[in-house]
Amino acid sequence: MSTTAPALRWSRAPAAQLGFRLIDRLHRNPASERASLLAALLQPRASIPPKYFYDELGCKLFEAICTLPEYYPTRTERAILSDNAVDIARYTGTRRQVVDLGAGDCAKAELLLPVLRPRRYIAVDIAAEALNPALARLSAAYEDIDVMGLVTDFSSRIDFGGVLDSTPTTFFYPGSSIGNFTRSEAISFLSQLRALATPASGLLIGVDTKKPVDRLIAAYDDPLGVTGAFNRNVLNHVNRVLPGNFDPNAFSHVALYNEREGRIEMHLESRLEQRVQLGGRQRLFRQGERIHTENSHKYSLAEFAAVLQSAGFNPVREWSGANGDFVVFYAELA
């Protein structure tokens, strides 16, 4: 296995023809990824990394989740960004580089672009197929912005070398995705961003807040069963990757709130005793045994301010949604 960094792969067509640049810096090692996935499933407490949620069907199911009345984070954050865009720009400044982490369809950043007026917009995501149409749309709408895409898995490795210049940067991390990290992992990740930042740079980040448990559970276990279908579909993806022979219908969706850890957990619970073939190995799942598929940590304002400070950021301002359901922080370098 090579230890040298892969060369930049610039997509000249159709990206260049459409007015933006796309850099593919996604480090893929399928054999290593399969081995890591298999090891997690063979542990006494089996787990599946959340990135396996997002196959083609998983992405569509998540889009459906975001429209559910019980799932407040997406619409609440969008309202915060839209209603406070001018005030946000007062703190972040304008004509900077904006790095949109986990950009997807770039819709949340698009709410801010008219007021932030960035000199350069860099959308970062693991899925090139999501970035291409979004960047084409933005490059056509904002001809004065240098629109770029970076395809990488920043959750495991932040590789922005040669992409950022030395001017101030606003790192934009919406969607409360920081909640998928444990507290120590969140501090480590944000510390890496801090190390990349030049003077006068800042961080604009969305965070889901602590609230009554019944509202949290409803957001992750909707009565229509969309979230349950999303959770069980991860087994279809695992079957293709390893390969395996999971029967998703043999598992129940479980969402619970872990009070001690301050997080929602999603699990898949075996409905019966069953043996599953996994990449040439076999795993017995007893009735009631669970596979841990996701964490979503919730924070009070003081708790997340402490996370930012531990990572080398100084919280400057926050904007909250209705009932304090969600908060967007702006933090500067400490």
C-alpha atoms as a PDB file:
ATOM      1  CA  MET A   1       0.000   0.000   0.000  1.00  0.00           C
ATOM      2  CA  SER A   2       1.357   3.359  -1.040  1.00  0.00           C
ATOM      3  CA  THR A   3       2.216   5.870   1.691  1.00  0.00           C
ATOM      4  CA  THR A   4       2.335   8.841  -0.645  1.00  0.00           C
ATOM      5  CA  ALA A   5      -0.562  11.256  -0.973  1.00  0.00           C
ATOM      6  CA  PRO A   6      -2.673  10.653  -4.089  1.00  0.00           C
ATOM      7  CA  ALA A   7      -2.399  13.172  -6.882  1.00  0.00           C
ATOM      8  CA  LEU A   8      -5.189  15.703  -7.264  1.00  0.00           C
ATOM      9  CA  ARG A   9      -7.766  14.555  -9.812  1.00  0.00           C
ATOM     10  CA  TRP A  10      -9.395  17.611 -11.354  1.00  0.00           C
ATOM     11  CA  SER A  11     -12.703  16.962 -13.092  1.00  0.00           C
ATOM     12  CA  ARG A  12     -12.322  19.003 -16.280  1.00  0.00           C
ATOM     13  CA  ALA A  13     -15.613  17.918 -17.809  1.00  0.00           C
ATOM     14  CA  PRO A  14     -18.305  18.630 -17.229  1.00  0.00           C
ATOM     15  CA  ALA A  15     -17.272  20.642 -14.131  1.00  0.00           C
ATOM     16  CA  ALA A  16     -14.879  23.053 -15.848  1.00  0.00           C
ATOM     17  CA  GLN A  17     -17.326  23.617 -18.671  1.00  0.00           C
ATOM     18  CA  LEU A  18     -19.995  24.502 -16.116  1.00  0.00           C
ATOM     19  CA  GLY A  19     -17.825  27.067 -14.365  1.00  0.00           C
ATOM     20  CA  PHE A  20     -16.552  25.278 -11.273  1.00  0.00           C
ATOM     21  CA  ARG A  21     -13.689  23.056 -10.219  1.00  0.00           C
ATOM     22  CA  LEU A  22     -14.065  19.673  -8.566  1.00  0.00           C
ATOM     23  CA  ILE A  23     -11.171  18.053  -6.721  1.00  0.00           C
ATOM     24  CA  ASP A  24     -11.411  14.345  -5.941  1.00  0.00           C
ATOM     25  CA  ARG A  25      -9.269  13.566  -2.921  1.00  0.00           C
ATOM     26  CA  LEU A  26     -11.246  10.645  -1.581  1.00  0.00           C
ATOM     27  CA  HIS A  27      -8.922   8.008  -0.166  1.00  0.00           C
ATOM     28  CA  ARG A  28     -10.521   4.621  -0.841  1.00  0.00           C
ATOM     29  CA  ASN A  29      -9.229   1.269   0.374  1.00  0.00           C
ATOM     30  CA  PRO A  30     -12.148  -1.123  -0.124  1.00  0.00           C
ATOM     31  CA  ALA A  31     -10.401  -4.104   1.482  1.00  0.00           C
ATOM     32  CA  SER A  32      -9.531  -2.095   4.589  1.00  0.00           C
ATOM     33  CA  GLU A  33     -13.041  -0.654   4.796  1.00  0.00           C
ATOM     34  CA  ARG A  34     -14.588  -4.125   4.559  1.00  0.00           C
ATOM     35  CA  ALA A  35     -12.234  -5.416   7.253  1.00  0.00           C
ATOM     36  CA  SER A  36     -13.122  -2.530   9.557  1.00  0.00           C
ATOM     37  CA  LEU A  37     -16.856  -3.010   8.998  1.00  0.00           C
ATOM     38  CA  LEU A  38     -16.607  -6.748   9.617  1.00  0.00           C
ATOM     39  CA  ALA A  39     -14.601  -6.221  12.811  1.00  0.00           C
ATOM     40  CA  ALA A  40     -17.260  -3.830  14.144  1.00  0.00           C
ATOM     41  CA  LEU A  41     -20.021  -6.372  13.452  1.00  0.00           C
ATOM     42  CA  LEU A  42     -18.106  -9.202  15.133  1.00  0.00           C
ATOM     43  CA  GLN A  43     -17.549  -7.282  18.367  1.00  0.00           C
ATOM     44  CA  PRO A  44     -19.581  -8.412  21.404  1.00  0.00           C
ATOM     45  CA  ARG A  45     -21.533  -5.169  20.998  1.00  0.00           C
ATOM     46  CA  ALA A  46     -21.964  -5.015  17.246  1.00  0.00           C
ATOM     47  CA  SER A  47     -22.026  -1.678  15.439  1.00  0.00           C
ATOM     48  CA  ILE A  48     -22.157  -0.233  11.929  1.00  0.00           C
ATOM     49  CA  PRO A  49     -20.555   3.135  11.068  1.00  0.00           C
ATOM     50  CA  PRO A  50     -23.253   5.684  10.116  1.00  0.00           C
ATOM     51  CA  LYS A  51     -21.658   6.373   6.735  1.00  0.00           C
ATOM     52  CA  TYR A  52     -23.229   3.117   5.517  1.00  0.00           C
ATOM     53  CA  PHE A  53     -26.683   4.688   5.846  1.00  0.00           C
ATOM     54  CA  TYR A  54     -26.127   6.701   2.698  1.00  0.00           C
ATOM     55  CA  ASP A  55     -26.467   4.450  -0.281  1.00  0.00           C
ATOM     56  CA  GLU A  56     -28.846   5.625  -3.021  1.00  0.00           C
ATOM     57  CA  LEU A  57     -31.995   4.513  -1.192  1.00  0.00           C
ATOM     58  CA  GLY A  58     -30.652   5.706   2.154  1.00  0.00           C
ATOM     59  CA  CYS A  59     -30.117   9.209   0.783  1.00  0.00           C
ATOM     60  CA  LYS A  60     -33.699   9.317  -0.499  1.00  0.00           C
ATOM     61  CA  LEU A  61     -35.056   8.071   2.823  1.00  0.00           C
ATOM     62  CA  PHE A  62     -33.074  10.707   4.704  1.00  0.00           C
ATOM     63  CA  GLU A  63     -34.489  13.403   2.427  1.00  0.00           C
ATOM     64  CA  ALA A  64     -37.930  12.114   3.361  1.00  0.00           C
ATOM     65  CA  ILE A  65     -37.050  12.178   7.072  1.00  0.00           C
ATOM     66  CA  CYS A  66     -36.127  15.855   6.790  1.00  0.00           C
ATOM     67  CA  THR A  67     -39.670  16.679   5.665  1.00  0.00           C
ATOM     68  CA  LEU A  68     -41.401  14.878   8.553  1.00  0.00           C
ATOM     69  CA  PRO A  69     -43.250  17.083  11.072  1.00  0.00           C
ATOM     70  CA  GLU A  70     -41.501  15.302  13.954  1.00  0.00           C
ATOM     71  CA  TYR A  71     -38.024  15.937  12.559  1.00  0.00           C
ATOM     72  CA  TYR A  72     -37.407  19.540  13.611  1.00  0.00           C
ATOM     73  CA  PRO A  73     -33.604  20.008  13.040  1.00  0.00           C
ATOM     74  CA  THR A  74     -33.590  20.671   9.285  1.00  0.00           C
ATOM     75  CA  ARG A  75     -36.438  23.172   9.092  1.00  0.00           C
ATOM     76  CA  THR A  76     -35.409  24.893  12.348  1.00  0.00           C
ATOM     77  CA  GLU A  77     -31.831  25.421  11.226  1.00  0.00           C
ATOM     78  CA  ARG A  78     -32.929  26.660   7.805  1.00  0.00           C
ATOM     79  CA  ALA A  79     -35.203  29.200   9.510  1.00  0.00           C
ATOM     80  CA  ILE A  80     -32.363  30.377  11.757  1.00  0.00           C
ATOM     81  CA  LEU A  81     -30.033  30.876   8.791  1.00  0.00           C
ATOM     82  CA  SER A  82     -32.663  32.581   6.654  1.00  0.00           C
ATOM     83  CA  ASP A  83     -34.022  34.879   9.390  1.00  0.00           C
ATOM     84  CA  ASN A  84     -30.588  35.899  10.699  1.00  0.00           C
ATOM     85  CA  ALA A  85     -28.485  35.937   7.527  1.00  0.00           C
ATOM     86  CA  VAL A  86     -27.675  39.653   7.689  1.00  0.00           C
ATOM     87  CA  ASP A  87     -26.722  39.488  11.363  1.00  0.00           C
ATOM     88  CA  ILE A  88     -24.621  36.376  10.741  1.00  0.00           C
ATOM     89  CA  ALA A  89     -22.699  38.245   8.038  1.00  0.00           C
ATOM     90  CA  ARG A  90     -21.947  41.039  10.514  1.00  0.00           C
ATOM     91  CA  TYR A  91     -19.992  38.560  12.608  1.00  0.00           C
ATOM     92  CA  THR A  92     -18.443  36.334   9.950  1.00  0.00           C
ATOM     93  CA  GLY A  93     -17.479  39.152   7.621  1.00  0.00           C
ATOM     94  CA  THR A  94     -17.804  39.126   3.838  1.00  0.00           C
ATOM     95  CA  ARG A  95     -15.629  38.395   0.790  1.00  0.00           C
ATOM     96  CA  ARG A  96     -13.915  35.486   2.549  1.00  0.00           C
ATOM     97  CA  GLN A  97     -13.392  31.853   1.751  1.00  0.00           C
ATOM     98  CA  VAL A  98     -16.374  29.788   2.883  1.00  0.00           C
ATOM     99  CA  VAL A  99     -15.764  26.074   3.460  1.00  0.00           C
ATOM    100  CA  ASP A 100     -19.072  24.170   3.574  1.00  0.00           C
ATOM    101  CA  LEU A 101     -18.486  20.882   5.401  1.00  0.00           C
ATOM    102  CA  GLY A 102     -20.889  18.104   4.436  1.00  0.00           C
ATOM    103  CA  ALA A 103     -22.354  20.387   1.808  1.00  0.00           C
ATOM    104  CA  GLY A 104     -24.599  17.866   0.019  1.00  0.00           C
ATOM    105  CA  ASP A 105     -26.939  19.902  -2.168  1.00  0.00           C
ATOM    106  CA  CYS A 106     -25.444  23.176  -0.795  1.00  0.00           C
ATOM    107  CA  ALA A 107     -28.964  24.390   0.092  1.00  0.00           C
ATOM    108  CA  LYS A 108     -28.086  25.732   3.541  1.00  0.00           C
ATOM    109  CA  ALA A 109     -25.047  27.658   2.332  1.00  0.00           C
ATOM    110  CA  GLU A 110     -27.196  29.038  -0.479  1.00  0.00           C
ATOM    111  CA  LEU A 111     -29.293  30.824   2.156  1.00  0.00           C
ATOM    112  CA  LEU A 112     -26.186  32.788   3.209  1.00  0.00           C
ATOM    113  CA  LEU A 113     -24.303  33.374  -0.050  1.00  0.00           C
ATOM    114  CA  PRO A 114     -26.182  36.573  -0.999  1.00  0.00           C
ATOM    115  CA  VAL A 115     -25.107  38.271   2.244  1.00  0.00           C
ATOM    116  CA  LEU A 116     -21.732  36.612   2.880  1.00  0.00           C
ATOM    117  CA  ARG A 117     -20.671  37.325  -0.729  1.00  0.00           C
ATOM    118  CA  PRO A 118     -17.666  35.003  -0.430  1.00  0.00           C
ATOM    119  CA  ARG A 119     -14.703  35.401  -2.703  1.00  0.00           C
ATOM    120  CA  ARG A 120     -14.464  31.619  -2.856  1.00  0.00           C
ATOM    121  CA  TYR A 121     -16.951  28.912  -1.927  1.00  0.00           C
ATOM    122  CA  ILE A 122     -15.601  25.397  -1.282  1.00  0.00           C
ATOM    123  CA  ALA A 123     -18.230  22.666  -0.893  1.00  0.00           C
ATOM    124  CA  VAL A 124     -16.884  19.543   0.835  1.00  0.00           C
ATOM    125  CA  ASP A 125     -18.674  16.202   0.731  1.00  0.00           C
ATOM    126  CA  ILE A 126     -18.004  12.501   0.341  1.00  0.00           C
ATOM    127  CA  ALA A 127     -20.494  12.236  -2.548  1.00  0.00           C
ATOM    128  CA  ALA A 128     -19.437  13.773  -5.865  1.00  0.00           C
ATOM    129  CA  GLU A 129     -22.841  12.917  -7.329  1.00  0.00           C
ATOM    130  CA  ALA A 130     -24.453  15.332  -4.855  1.00  0.00           C
ATOM    131  CA  LEU A 131     -21.917  18.106  -5.382  1.00  0.00           C
ATOM    132  CA  ASN A 132     -21.924  18.212  -9.188  1.00  0.00           C
ATOM    133  CA  PRO A 133     -25.479  19.496  -9.785  1.00  0.00           C
ATOM    134  CA  ALA A 134     -25.350  21.796  -6.761  1.00  0.00           C
ATOM    135  CA  LEU A 135     -22.103  23.449  -7.841  1.00  0.00           C
ATOM    136  CA  ALA A 136     -23.352  23.806 -11.402  1.00  0.00           C
ATOM    137  CA  ARG A 137     -26.372  25.667 -10.056  1.00  0.00           C
ATOM    138  CA  LEU A 138     -24.319  27.942  -7.806  1.00  0.00           C
ATOM    139  CA  SER A 139     -21.629  28.742 -10.370  1.00  0.00           C
ATOM    140  CA  ALA A 140     -24.336  29.856 -12.789  1.00  0.00           C
ATOM    141  CA  ALA A 141     -26.081  31.986 -10.170  1.00  0.00           C
ATOM    142  CA  TYR A 142     -22.942  33.584  -8.654  1.00  0.00           C
ATOM    143  CA  GLU A 143     -20.470  34.358 -11.407  1.00  0.00           C
ATOM    144  CA  ASP A 144     -18.359  36.511  -9.061  1.00  0.00           C
ATOM    145  CA  ILE A 145     -17.672  33.572  -6.694  1.00  0.00           C
ATOM    146  CA  ASP A 146     -14.879  31.073  -7.299  1.00  0.00           C
ATOM    147  CA  VAL A 147     -16.950  27.892  -6.839  1.00  0.00           C
ATOM    148  CA  MET A 148     -15.088  24.712  -5.941  1.00  0.00           C
ATOM    149  CA  GLY A 149     -15.941  21.196  -4.776  1.00  0.00           C
ATOM    150  CA  LEU A 150     -13.764  18.895  -2.701  1.00  0.00           C
ATOM    151  CA  VAL A 151     -14.673  15.202  -2.566  1.00  0.00           C
ATOM    152  CA  THR A 152     -13.251  13.710   0.618  1.00  0.00           C
ATOM    153  CA  ASP A 153     -14.236  11.918   3.823  1.00  0.00           C
ATOM    154  CA  PHE A 154     -13.332  14.690   6.259  1.00  0.00           C
ATOM    155  CA  SER A 155     -14.715  12.738   9.230  1.00  0.00           C
ATOM    156  CA  SER A 156     -11.695  10.437   9.082  1.00  0.00           C
ATOM    157  CA  ARG A 157      -9.084  12.742   7.559  1.00  0.00           C
ATOM    158  CA  ILE A 158      -9.053  16.471   6.927  1.00  0.00           C
ATOM    159  CA  ASP A 159      -7.073  16.909   3.722  1.00  0.00           C
ATOM    160  CA  PHE A 160      -7.377  20.501   2.493  1.00  0.00           C
ATOM    161  CA  GLY A 161      -3.759  20.910   1.416  1.00  0.00           C
ATOM    162  CA  GLY A 162      -3.481  23.098  -1.682  1.00  0.00           C
ATOM    163  CA  VAL A 163      -7.180  23.967  -1.549  1.00  0.00           C
ATOM    164  CA  LEU A 164      -7.264  26.756   1.031  1.00  0.00           C
ATOM    165  CA  ASP A 165      -5.223  29.911   0.623  1.00  0.00           C
ATOM    166  CA  SER A 166      -3.892  32.149   3.406  1.00  0.00           C
ATOM    167  CA  THR A 167      -6.879  34.503   3.572  1.00  0.00           C
ATOM    168  CA  PRO A 168      -9.513  34.357   6.368  1.00  0.00           C
ATOM    169  CA  THR A 169     -11.902  31.414   6.178  1.00  0.00           C
ATOM    170  CA  THR A 170     -15.383  30.818   7.520  1.00  0.00           C
ATOM    171  CA  PHE A 171     -15.815  27.108   8.202  1.00  0.00           C
ATOM    172  CA  PHE A 172     -19.531  26.307   7.892  1.00  0.00           C
ATOM    173  CA  TYR A 173     -20.680  23.037   9.482  1.00  0.00           C
ATOM    174  CA  PRO A 174     -24.497  22.896   9.494  1.00  0.00           C
ATOM    175  CA  GLY A 175     -26.943  20.110  10.203  1.00  0.00           C
ATOM    176  CA  SER A 176     -25.877  19.234  13.774  1.00  0.00           C
ATOM    177  CA  SER A 177     -23.558  16.596  12.281  1.00  0.00           C
ATOM    178  CA  ILE A 178     -21.111  17.416  15.062  1.00  0.00           C
ATOM    179  CA  GLY A 179     -23.503  15.433  17.263  1.00  0.00           C
ATOM    180  CA  ASN A 180     -22.462  12.192  15.560  1.00  0.00           C
ATOM    181  CA  PHE A 181     -19.081  12.540  17.253  1.00  0.00           C
ATOM    182  CA  THR A 182     -18.494  11.808  20.925  1.00  0.00           C
ATOM    183  CA  ARG A 183     -17.453  14.859  22.949  1.00  0.00           C
ATOM    184  CA  SER A 184     -13.759  13.931  22.722  1.00  0.00           C
ATOM    185  CA  GLU A 185     -14.045  13.214  18.998  1.00  0.00           C
ATOM    186  CA  ALA A 186     -15.831  16.532  18.450  1.00  0.00           C
ATOM    187  CA  ILE A 187     -13.047  18.406  20.236  1.00  0.00           C
ATOM    188  CA  SER A 188     -10.425  16.558  18.175  1.00  0.00           C
ATOM    189  CA  PHE A 189     -12.215  17.293  14.887  1.00  0.00           C
ATOM    190  CA  LEU A 190     -12.733  20.978  15.667  1.00  0.00           C
ATOM    191  CA  SER A 191      -9.117  21.247  16.835  1.00  0.00           C
ATOM    192  CA  GLN A 192      -8.029  20.053  13.387  1.00  0.00           C
ATOM    193  CA  LEU A 193     -10.129  22.800  11.799  1.00  0.00           C
ATOM    194  CA  ARG A 194      -8.579  25.286  14.222  1.00  0.00           C
ATOM    195  CA  ALA A 195      -5.110  24.207  13.083  1.00  0.00           C
ATOM    196  CA  LEU A 196      -6.049  24.915   9.459  1.00  0.00           C
ATOM    197  CA  ALA A 197      -7.474  28.363  10.171  1.00  0.00           C
ATOM    198  CA  THR A 198      -5.557  31.550   9.452  1.00  0.00           C
ATOM    199  CA  PRO A 199      -5.926  34.688  11.629  1.00  0.00           C
ATOM    200  CA  ALA A 200      -9.404  36.292  11.556  1.00  0.00           C
ATOM    201  CA  SER A 201     -11.020  32.997  10.517  1.00  0.00           C
ATOM    202  CA  GLY A 202     -14.097  31.598  12.249  1.00  0.00           C
ATOM    203  CA  LEU A 203     -16.520  28.708  12.606  1.00  0.00           C
ATOM    204  CA  LEU A 204     -20.284  28.792  11.942  1.00  0.00           C
ATOM    205  CA  ILE A 205     -21.795  25.559  13.255  1.00  0.00           C
ATOM    206  CA  GLY A 206     -25.249  24.079  13.847  1.00  0.00           C
ATOM    207  CA  VAL A 207     -25.938  22.228  17.105  1.00  0.00           C
ATOM    208  CA  ASP A 208     -28.999  20.322  18.279  1.00  0.00           C
ATOM    209  CA  THR A 209     -30.016  21.131  21.846  1.00  0.00           C
ATOM    210  CA  LYS A 210     -31.246  19.128  24.801  1.00  0.00           C
ATOM    211  CA  LYS A 211     -35.023  19.047  25.119  1.00  0.00           C
ATOM    212  CA  PRO A 212     -37.809  16.825  26.490  1.00  0.00           C
ATOM    213  CA  VAL A 213     -37.066  13.185  25.766  1.00  0.00           C
ATOM    214  CA  ASP A 214     -40.440  12.525  24.126  1.00  0.00           C
ATOM    215  CA  ARG A 215     -39.711  15.144  21.444  1.00  0.00           C
ATOM    216  CA  LEU A 216     -36.256  13.715  20.818  1.00  0.00           C
ATOM    217  CA  ILE A 217     -37.549  10.171  20.498  1.00  0.00           C
ATOM    218  CA  ALA A 218     -40.341  11.266  18.112  1.00  0.00           C
ATOM    219  CA  ALA A 219     -37.771  12.895  15.826  1.00  0.00           C
ATOM    220  CA  TYR A 220     -35.875   9.592  15.525  1.00  0.00           C
ATOM    221  CA  ASP A 221     -38.804   7.154  15.627  1.00  0.00           C
ATOM    222  CA  ASP A 222     -41.602   8.696  13.560  1.00  0.00           C
ATOM    223  CA  PRO A 223     -45.027   7.030  13.450  1.00  0.00           C
ATOM    224  CA  LEU A 224     -44.864   6.567   9.658  1.00  0.00           C
ATOM    225  CA  GLY A 225     -41.766   4.414  10.078  1.00  0.00           C
ATOM    226  CA  VAL A 226     -39.560   6.357   7.656  1.00  0.00           C
ATOM    227  CA  THR A 227     -36.665   6.492  10.125  1.00  0.00           C
ATOM    228  CA  GLY A 228     -37.098   2.785  10.820  1.00  0.00           C
ATOM    229  CA  ALA A 229     -36.847   2.037   7.091  1.00  0.00           C
ATOM    230  CA  PHE A 230     -33.760   4.266   6.883  1.00  0.00           C
ATOM    231  CA  ASN A 231     -32.135   2.407   9.786  1.00  0.00           C
ATOM    232  CA  ARG A 232     -32.937  -1.088   8.479  1.00  0.00           C
ATOM    233  CA  ASN A 233     -31.746  -0.185   4.962  1.00  0.00           C
ATOM    234  CA  VAL A 234     -28.191   0.036   6.296  1.00  0.00           C
ATOM    235  CA  LEU A 235     -28.244  -3.785   6.386  1.00  0.00           C
ATOM    236  CA  ASN A 236     -28.881  -3.901   2.624  1.00  0.00           C
ATOM    237  CA  HIS A 237     -25.802  -1.754   2.103  1.00  0.00           C
ATOM    238  CA  VAL A 238     -23.721  -3.950   4.414  1.00  0.00           C
ATOM    239  CA  ASN A 239     -24.885  -7.033   2.495  1.00  0.00           C
ATOM    240  CA  ARG A 240     -23.437  -5.573  -0.712  1.00  0.00           C
ATOM    241  CA  VAL A 241     -20.186  -4.372   0.847  1.00  0.00           C
ATOM    242  CA  LEU A 242     -19.047  -7.473   2.761  1.00  0.00           C
ATOM    243  CA  PRO A 243     -21.033  -9.403   1.295  1.00  0.00           C
ATOM    244  CA  GLY A 244     -23.576 -10.619   3.865  1.00  0.00           C
ATOM    245  CA  ASN A 245     -27.062 -12.071   4.113  1.00  0.00           C
ATOM    246  CA  PHE A 246     -28.804  -9.836   6.666  1.00  0.00           C
ATOM    247  CA  ASP A 247     -32.601  -9.893   6.483  1.00  0.00           C
ATOM    248  CA  PRO A 248     -33.597  -6.302   7.372  1.00  0.00           C
ATOM    249  CA  ASN A 249     -37.124  -7.476   8.241  1.00  0.00           C
ATOM    250  CA  ALA A 250     -35.652  -9.646  10.991  1.00  0.00           C
ATOM    251  CA  PHE A 251     -34.561  -6.508  12.891  1.00  0.00           C
ATOM    252  CA  SER A 252     -36.582  -3.814  14.639  1.00  0.00           C
ATOM    253  CA  HIS A 253     -35.688  -0.129  14.691  1.00  0.00           C
ATOM    254  CA  VAL A 254     -34.915   1.151  18.194  1.00  0.00           C
ATOM    255  CA  ALA A 255     -34.359   4.802  19.135  1.00  0.00           C
ATOM    256  CA  LEU A 256     -33.585   5.666  22.756  1.00  0.00           C
ATOM    257  CA  TYR A 257     -32.161   8.532  24.760  1.00  0.00           C
ATOM    258  CA  ASN A 258     -28.998   7.818  26.742  1.00  0.00           C
ATOM    259  CA  GLU A 259     -29.302  10.293  29.601  1.00  0.00           C
ATOM    260  CA  ARG A 260     -25.783   9.760  30.913  1.00  0.00           C
ATOM    261  CA  GLU A 261     -24.172  10.408  27.521  1.00  0.00           C
ATOM    262  CA  GLY A 262     -26.694  13.080  26.498  1.00  0.00           C
ATOM    263  CA  ARG A 263     -27.452  11.477  23.171  1.00  0.00           C
ATOM    264  CA  ILE A 264     -30.036   9.757  21.033  1.00  0.00           C
ATOM    265  CA  GLU A 265     -28.918   6.278  20.016  1.00  0.00           C
ATOM    266  CA  MET A 266     -30.259   4.259  17.101  1.00  0.00           C
ATOM    267  CA  HIS A 267     -30.039   0.472  17.160  1.00  0.00           C
ATOM    268  CA  LEU A 268     -31.304  -2.506  15.197  1.00  0.00           C
ATOM    269  CA  GLU A 269     -32.708  -5.205  17.481  1.00  0.00           C
ATOM    270  CA  SER A 270     -32.836  -8.835  16.387  1.00  0.00           C
ATOM    271  CA  ARG A 271     -36.412 -10.126  16.447  1.00  0.00           C
ATOM    272  CA  LEU A 272     -35.286 -13.743  16.776  1.00  0.00           C
ATOM    273  CA  GLU A 273     -32.194 -15.842  17.234  1.00  0.00           C
ATOM    274  CA  GLN A 274     -30.465 -15.928  13.861  1.00  0.00           C
ATOM    275  CA  ARG A 275     -27.124 -16.668  12.265  1.00  0.00           C
ATOM    276  CA  VAL A 276     -25.893 -14.173   9.686  1.00  0.00           C
ATOM    277  CA  GLN A 277     -23.158 -14.773   7.114  1.00  0.00           C
ATOM    278  CA  LEU A 278     -20.752 -11.819   7.034  1.00  0.00           C
ATOM    279  CA  GLY A 279     -17.815 -11.708   4.655  1.00  0.00           C
ATOM    280  CA  GLY A 280     -17.066 -15.404   4.992  1.00  0.00           C
ATOM    281  CA  ARG A 281     -17.649 -15.361   8.744  1.00  0.00           C
ATOM    282  CA  GLN A 282     -20.747 -16.194  10.751  1.00  0.00           C
ATOM    283  CA  ARG A 283     -22.284 -14.192  13.609  1.00  0.00           C
ATOM    284  CA  LEU A 284     -25.034 -15.359  15.954  1.00  0.00           C
ATOM    285  CA  PHE A 285     -27.507 -12.647  16.922  1.00  0.00           C
ATOM    286  CA  ARG A 286     -29.691 -13.677  19.830  1.00  0.00           C
ATOM    287  CA  GLN A 287     -33.260 -12.456  20.134  1.00  0.00           C
ATOM    288  CA  GLY A 288     -33.158  -8.916  21.550  1.00  0.00           C
ATOM    289  CA  GLU A 289     -29.468  -8.398  20.708  1.00  0.00           C
ATOM    290  CA  ARG A 290     -28.765  -5.007  19.160  1.00  0.00           C
ATOM    291  CA  ILE A 291     -26.526  -3.475  16.504  1.00  0.00           C
ATOM    292  CA  HIS A 292     -25.609   0.128  17.326  1.00  0.00           C
ATOM    293  CA  THR A 293     -25.943   2.271  14.190  1.00  0.00           C
ATOM    294  CA  GLU A 294     -25.820   5.928  15.227  1.00  0.00           C
ATOM    295  CA  ASN A 295     -25.279   8.443  18.024  1.00  0.00           C
ATOM    296  CA  SER A 296     -26.653  11.966  17.958  1.00  0.00           C
ATOM    297  CA  HIS A 297     -25.362  14.013  20.890  1.00  0.00           C
ATOM    298  CA  LYS A 298     -27.433  16.918  22.194  1.00  0.00           C
ATOM    299  CA  TYR A 299     -25.921  19.915  23.979  1.00  0.00           C
ATOM    300  CA  SER A 300     -26.903  22.763  26.236  1.00  0.00           C
ATOM    301  CA  LEU A 301     -25.489  26.141  25.168  1.00  0.00           C
ATOM    302  CA  ALA A 302     -22.938  26.025  27.984  1.00  0.00           C
ATOM    303  CA  GLU A 303     -21.865  22.470  27.139  1.00  0.00           C
ATOM    304  CA  PHE A 304     -21.180  23.235  23.500  1.00  0.00           C
ATOM    305  CA  ALA A 305     -19.467  26.526  24.319  1.00  0.00           C
ATOM    306  CA  ALA A 306     -17.100  24.446  26.457  1.00  0.00           C
ATOM    307  CA  VAL A 307     -16.456  22.093  23.512  1.00  0.00           C
ATOM    308  CA  LEU A 308     -15.575  25.064  21.304  1.00  0.00           C
ATOM    309  CA  GLN A 309     -13.232  26.494  23.917  1.00  0.00           C
ATOM    310  CA  SER A 310     -11.508  23.140  24.365  1.00  0.00           C
ATOM    311  CA  ALA A 311     -10.891  23.063  20.603  1.00  0.00           C
ATOM    312  CA  GLY A 312      -9.343  26.531  20.545  1.00  0.00           C
ATOM    313  CA  PHE A 313     -12.363  28.595  19.531  1.00  0.00           C
ATOM    314  CA  ASN A 314     -13.958  31.496  21.365  1.00  0.00           C
ATOM    315  CA  PRO A 315     -17.793  31.505  21.107  1.00  0.00           C
ATOM    316  CA  VAL A 316     -18.904  34.972  20.008  1.00  0.00           C
ATOM    317  CA  ARG A 317     -22.593  34.759  19.143  1.00  0.00           C
ATOM    318  CA  GLU A 318     -25.404  32.242  18.871  1.00  0.00           C
ATOM    319  CA  TRP A 319     -28.773  32.301  17.148  1.00  0.00           C
ATOM    320  CA  SER A 320     -31.547  30.039  18.472  1.00  0.00           C
ATOM    321  CA  GLY A 321     -34.683  28.660  16.866  1.00  0.00           C
ATOM    322  CA  ALA A 322     -38.190  28.597  18.291  1.00  0.00           C
ATOM    323  CA  ASN A 323     -38.289  27.096  21.791  1.00  0.00           C
ATOM    324  CA  GLY A 324     -34.499  26.834  21.723  1.00  0.00           C
ATOM    325  CA  ASP A 325     -34.821  23.665  19.625  1.00  0.00           C
ATOM    326  CA  PHE A 326     -31.628  24.305  17.701  1.00  0.00           C
ATOM    327  CA  VAL A 327     -28.730  26.778  17.841  1.00  0.00           C
ATOM    328  CA  VAL A 328     -26.183  28.115  15.361  1.00  0.00           C
ATOM    329  CA  PHE A 329     -22.908  29.236  16.948  1.00  0.00           C
ATOM    330  CA  TYR A 330     -20.315  31.591  15.524  1.00  0.00           C
ATOM    331  CA  ALA A 331     -16.864  31.231  17.086  1.00  0.00           C
ATOM    332  CA  GLU A 332     -13.534  32.922  16.423  1.00  0.00           C
ATOM    333  CA  LEU A 333     -10.032  31.647  16.981  1.00  0.00           C
ATOM    334  CA  ALA A 334      -9.130  31.832  20.663  1.00  0.00           C
END
